[in-house]
Amino acid sequence: MFGYSVPQALAFLRIEGELERQRLAQLVGVVAVAAQGEKRSIEQLQRDLSKE
């Protein structure tokens, strides 16, 4: 179909899963900081996320 071997496809899926976990972890951080509602915490989170 696409010409990928099974190990290549599994490696791709493993990497994609890790990236998704990282995105979800960032989202949880955003929600947690937003729930606190402190401007300083939100600004710090913005700086942290812009570094990545």
N, C-alpha and C. Protein backbone atom coordinates (compact mmCIF):
# COMPACT_ATOMS: atom_id res chain seq x y z
N MET A 1 0.83 -1.18 0.00
CA MET A 1 0.00 0.00 0.00
C MET A 1 0.88 1.25 0.00
N PHE A 2 1.52 1.57 1.12
CA PHE A 2 2.38 2.74 1.18
C PHE A 2 3.85 2.37 1.08
N GLY A 3 4.15 1.12 1.12
CA GLY A 3 5.53 0.68 1.00
C GLY A 3 6.30 0.65 2.31
N TYR A 4 5.62 0.74 3.45
CA TYR A 4 6.28 0.68 4.74
C TYR A 4 6.29 -0.76 5.24
N SER A 5 7.39 -1.14 5.89
CA SER A 5 7.43 -2.46 6.50
C SER A 5 6.66 -2.40 7.82
N VAL A 6 6.36 -3.57 8.36
CA VAL A 6 5.65 -3.62 9.64
C VAL A 6 6.46 -2.93 10.74
N PRO A 7 7.76 -3.18 10.87
CA PRO A 7 8.52 -2.48 11.91
C PRO A 7 8.51 -0.96 11.72
N GLN A 8 8.57 -0.49 10.48
CA GLN A 8 8.52 0.95 10.24
C GLN A 8 7.17 1.53 10.65
N ALA A 9 6.10 0.83 10.31
CA ALA A 9 4.76 1.30 10.68
C ALA A 9 4.59 1.31 12.20
N LEU A 10 5.09 0.29 12.87
CA LEU A 10 5.00 0.24 14.33
C LEU A 10 5.81 1.36 14.97
N ALA A 11 6.98 1.64 14.43
CA ALA A 11 7.81 2.74 14.96
C ALA A 11 7.09 4.08 14.77
N PHE A 12 6.48 4.28 13.63
CA PHE A 12 5.72 5.50 13.37
C PHE A 12 4.58 5.64 14.38
N LEU A 13 3.83 4.58 14.59
CA LEU A 13 2.72 4.62 15.53
C LEU A 13 3.19 4.86 16.96
N ARG A 14 4.32 4.29 17.32
CA ARG A 14 4.87 4.48 18.66
C ARG A 14 5.26 5.96 18.87
N ILE A 15 5.91 6.54 17.88
CA ILE A 15 6.31 7.95 17.96
C ILE A 15 5.08 8.85 17.99
N GLU A 16 4.12 8.56 17.15
CA GLU A 16 2.89 9.36 17.12
C GLU A 16 2.16 9.28 18.46
N GLY A 17 2.15 8.11 19.07
CA GLY A 17 1.52 7.96 20.38
C GLY A 17 2.23 8.79 21.44
N GLU A 18 3.55 8.82 21.39
CA GLU A 18 4.32 9.62 22.34
C GLU A 18 4.03 11.11 22.15
N LEU A 19 3.97 11.56 20.92
CA LEU A 19 3.65 12.96 20.66
C LEU A 19 2.25 13.32 21.16
N GLU A 20 1.32 12.41 20.98
CA GLU A 20 -0.04 12.65 21.46
C GLU A 20 -0.08 12.74 22.99
N ARG A 21 0.67 11.87 23.66
CA ARG A 21 0.74 11.94 25.12
C ARG A 21 1.32 13.26 25.59
N GLN A 22 2.34 13.75 24.88
CA GLN A 22 2.93 15.04 25.23
C GLN A 22 1.94 16.18 25.04
N ARG A 23 1.19 16.14 23.93
CA ARG A 23 0.17 17.19 23.68
C ARG A 23 -0.90 17.16 24.75
N LEU A 24 -1.33 15.96 25.14
CA LEU A 24 -2.36 15.85 26.17
C LEU A 24 -1.83 16.32 27.53
N ALA A 25 -0.58 16.02 27.83
CA ALA A 25 0.01 16.48 29.09
C ALA A 25 0.07 18.01 29.12
N GLN A 26 0.41 18.62 27.99
CA GLN A 26 0.42 20.08 27.93
C GLN A 26 -0.98 20.64 28.13
N LEU A 27 -1.96 20.00 27.53
CA LEU A 27 -3.33 20.46 27.68
C LEU A 27 -3.79 20.37 29.13
N VAL A 28 -3.43 19.30 29.82
CA VAL A 28 -3.77 19.17 31.23
C VAL A 28 -3.11 20.31 32.02
N GLY A 29 -1.88 20.63 31.68
CA GLY A 29 -1.19 21.74 32.35
C GLY A 29 -1.90 23.06 32.13
N VAL A 30 -2.34 23.29 30.91
CA VAL A 30 -3.06 24.53 30.59
C VAL A 30 -4.36 24.60 31.39
N VAL A 31 -5.09 23.52 31.43
CA VAL A 31 -6.37 23.50 32.15
C VAL A 31 -6.13 23.71 33.65
N ALA A 32 -5.11 23.06 34.20
CA ALA A 32 -4.82 23.20 35.63
C ALA A 32 -4.45 24.64 35.98
N VAL A 33 -3.61 25.25 35.15
CA VAL A 33 -3.21 26.63 35.41
C VAL A 33 -4.39 27.57 35.23
N ALA A 34 -5.18 27.34 34.20
CA ALA A 34 -6.35 28.19 33.97
C ALA A 34 -7.34 28.08 35.12
N ALA A 35 -7.47 26.89 35.70
CA ALA A 35 -8.39 26.71 36.82
C ALA A 35 -7.94 27.51 38.04
N GLN A 36 -6.63 27.67 38.19
CA GLN A 36 -6.10 28.46 39.30
C GLN A 36 -6.39 29.94 39.07
N GLY A 37 -6.34 30.36 37.80
CA GLY A 37 -6.68 31.72 37.44
C GLY A 37 -5.66 32.78 37.83
N GLU A 38 -4.46 32.39 38.18
CA GLU A 38 -3.44 33.36 38.55
C GLU A 38 -2.69 33.81 37.31
N LYS A 39 -2.65 35.10 37.09
CA LYS A 39 -2.01 35.66 35.90
C LYS A 39 -0.55 35.24 35.80
N ARG A 40 0.15 35.27 36.92
CA ARG A 40 1.57 34.91 36.92
C ARG A 40 1.78 33.46 36.48
N SER A 41 0.93 32.57 36.93
CA SER A 41 1.03 31.16 36.55
C SER A 41 0.76 30.97 35.07
N ILE A 42 -0.23 31.68 34.56
CA ILE A 42 -0.56 31.58 33.14
C ILE A 42 0.59 32.10 32.29
N GLU A 43 1.18 33.22 32.68
CA GLU A 43 2.31 33.78 31.93
C GLU A 43 3.50 32.83 31.96
N GLN A 44 3.76 32.20 33.11
CA GLN A 44 4.87 31.25 33.21
C GLN A 44 4.63 30.05 32.30
N LEU A 45 3.41 29.56 32.28
CA LEU A 45 3.09 28.43 31.41
C LEU A 45 3.28 28.81 29.94
N GLN A 46 2.88 30.01 29.57
CA GLN A 46 3.07 30.46 28.19
C GLN A 46 4.56 30.47 27.84
N ARG A 47 5.39 30.95 28.75
CA ARG A 47 6.83 30.95 28.48
C ARG A 47 7.37 29.53 28.35
N ASP A 48 6.93 28.65 29.25
CA ASP A 48 7.39 27.25 29.21
C ASP A 48 7.00 26.58 27.91
N LEU A 49 5.77 26.78 27.47
CA LEU A 49 5.30 26.13 26.25
C LEU A 49 5.97 26.71 25.01
N SER A 50 6.31 27.98 25.03
CA SER A 50 6.95 28.58 23.85
C SER A 50 8.38 28.09 23.69
N LYS A 51 9.00 27.58 24.77
CA LYS A 51 10.36 27.03 24.70
C LYS A 51 10.38 25.70 23.97
N GLU A 52 9.28 24.97 23.98
CA GLU A 52 9.24 23.62 23.43
C GLU A 52 9.01 23.61 21.98
